[in-house]
Amino acid sequence: MAEMTSDFVQCARVKDIPEGSIIAVNVEGHSIALANSEGHIRAE
């Protein structure tokens, strides 16, 4: 299991992810999908 840290990396702003959309970002070499579902941001 990966070690969890308390470091946060800003990769997008809420205004960059319109409601109902998904964007792809790269964070420290990892591809992450950010989704805005009814105003809630989710990361996978």
N, C-alpha and C. Protein backbone atom coordinates (compact mmCIF):
# COMPACT_ATOMS: atom_id res chain seq x y z
N MET A 1 0.84 -1.17 0.00
CA MET A 1 0.00 0.00 0.00
C MET A 1 0.88 1.24 0.00
N ALA A 2 0.49 2.26 -0.76
CA ALA A 2 1.27 3.49 -0.85
C ALA A 2 1.18 4.27 0.45
N GLU A 3 2.26 4.94 0.78
CA GLU A 3 2.29 5.76 1.99
C GLU A 3 1.50 7.04 1.76
N MET A 4 0.67 7.41 2.69
CA MET A 4 -0.13 8.64 2.60
C MET A 4 0.64 9.78 3.26
N THR A 5 0.61 10.94 2.63
CA THR A 5 1.23 12.12 3.22
C THR A 5 0.19 13.22 3.28
N SER A 6 0.52 14.28 3.97
CA SER A 6 -0.41 15.39 4.08
C SER A 6 -0.08 16.51 3.09
N ASP A 7 0.77 16.22 2.10
CA ASP A 7 1.12 17.23 1.10
C ASP A 7 -0.01 17.38 0.09
N PHE A 8 -0.33 18.62 -0.24
CA PHE A 8 -1.35 18.90 -1.25
C PHE A 8 -0.68 19.56 -2.43
N VAL A 9 -1.12 19.20 -3.63
CA VAL A 9 -0.61 19.79 -4.86
C VAL A 9 -1.79 20.35 -5.63
N GLN A 10 -1.78 21.65 -5.88
CA GLN A 10 -2.86 22.23 -6.67
C GLN A 10 -2.66 21.88 -8.13
N CYS A 11 -3.66 21.25 -8.74
CA CYS A 11 -3.53 20.83 -10.13
C CYS A 11 -4.62 21.43 -11.01
N ALA A 12 -5.64 22.01 -10.40
CA ALA A 12 -6.73 22.64 -11.15
C ALA A 12 -7.54 23.50 -10.19
N ARG A 13 -8.33 24.37 -10.76
CA ARG A 13 -9.27 25.18 -9.96
C ARG A 13 -10.67 24.65 -10.24
N VAL A 14 -11.56 24.81 -9.29
CA VAL A 14 -12.93 24.34 -9.47
C VAL A 14 -13.52 24.92 -10.75
N LYS A 15 -13.23 26.18 -11.05
CA LYS A 15 -13.78 26.82 -12.25
C LYS A 15 -13.24 26.18 -13.54
N ASP A 16 -12.14 25.40 -13.44
CA ASP A 16 -11.57 24.72 -14.61
C ASP A 16 -12.33 23.43 -14.96
N ILE A 17 -13.23 23.00 -14.05
CA ILE A 17 -13.95 21.74 -14.23
C ILE A 17 -15.45 22.02 -14.20
N PRO A 18 -16.05 22.32 -15.35
CA PRO A 18 -17.48 22.62 -15.37
C PRO A 18 -18.30 21.45 -14.84
N GLU A 19 -19.43 21.75 -14.23
CA GLU A 19 -20.30 20.70 -13.70
C GLU A 19 -20.65 19.71 -14.79
N GLY A 20 -20.53 18.43 -14.47
CA GLY A 20 -20.84 17.36 -15.41
C GLY A 20 -19.68 16.97 -16.30
N SER A 21 -18.49 17.54 -16.05
CA SER A 21 -17.35 17.22 -16.91
C SER A 21 -16.24 16.52 -16.14
N ILE A 22 -15.30 15.97 -16.91
CA ILE A 22 -14.12 15.29 -16.37
C ILE A 22 -12.90 15.85 -17.10
N ILE A 23 -11.85 16.14 -16.34
CA ILE A 23 -10.59 16.56 -16.97
C ILE A 23 -9.49 15.63 -16.49
N ALA A 24 -8.42 15.55 -17.27
CA ALA A 24 -7.26 14.75 -16.90
C ALA A 24 -6.14 15.71 -16.50
N VAL A 25 -5.45 15.40 -15.42
CA VAL A 25 -4.30 16.19 -14.98
C VAL A 25 -3.15 15.23 -14.68
N ASN A 26 -1.95 15.78 -14.67
CA ASN A 26 -0.77 15.00 -14.32
C ASN A 26 -0.19 15.58 -13.05
N VAL A 27 -0.10 14.76 -12.00
CA VAL A 27 0.41 15.21 -10.71
C VAL A 27 1.60 14.35 -10.33
N GLU A 28 2.75 14.96 -10.33
CA GLU A 28 3.99 14.27 -9.95
C GLU A 28 4.15 12.94 -10.68
N GLY A 29 3.85 12.95 -11.99
CA GLY A 29 4.03 11.76 -12.81
C GLY A 29 2.86 10.80 -12.82
N HIS A 30 1.77 11.14 -12.15
CA HIS A 30 0.59 10.28 -12.09
C HIS A 30 -0.56 10.94 -12.82
N SER A 31 -1.22 10.21 -13.72
CA SER A 31 -2.40 10.72 -14.42
C SER A 31 -3.61 10.57 -13.49
N ILE A 32 -4.32 11.66 -13.30
CA ILE A 32 -5.49 11.69 -12.41
C ILE A 32 -6.67 12.28 -13.18
N ALA A 33 -7.83 11.66 -13.03
CA ALA A 33 -9.07 12.19 -13.60
C ALA A 33 -9.80 12.96 -12.50
N LEU A 34 -10.19 14.20 -12.80
CA LEU A 34 -10.98 15.01 -11.88
C LEU A 34 -12.36 15.19 -12.48
N ALA A 35 -13.39 14.87 -11.72
CA ALA A 35 -14.76 14.97 -12.20
C ALA A 35 -15.54 15.91 -11.31
N ASN A 36 -16.43 16.71 -11.93
CA ASN A 36 -17.33 17.58 -11.19
C ASN A 36 -18.73 16.99 -11.33
N SER A 37 -19.22 16.39 -10.25
CA SER A 37 -20.53 15.78 -10.24
C SER A 37 -21.43 16.55 -9.28
N GLU A 38 -22.33 17.34 -9.87
CA GLU A 38 -23.27 18.15 -9.07
C GLU A 38 -22.55 19.02 -8.07
N GLY A 39 -21.41 19.59 -8.49
CA GLY A 39 -20.65 20.50 -7.63
C GLY A 39 -19.65 19.83 -6.70
N HIS A 40 -19.59 18.52 -6.72
CA HIS A 40 -18.62 17.79 -5.89
C HIS A 40 -17.47 17.32 -6.78
N ILE A 41 -16.25 17.67 -6.38
CA ILE A 41 -15.07 17.27 -7.16
C ILE A 41 -14.60 15.92 -6.66
N ARG A 42 -14.37 15.01 -7.60
CA ARG A 42 -13.92 13.66 -7.28
C ARG A 42 -12.65 13.37 -8.09
N ALA A 43 -11.75 12.62 -7.49
CA ALA A 43 -10.49 12.26 -8.17
C ALA A 43 -10.38 10.74 -8.23
N GLU A 44 -9.92 10.25 -9.37
CA GLU A 44 -9.69 8.80 -9.57
C GLU A 44 -8.32 8.62 -10.14
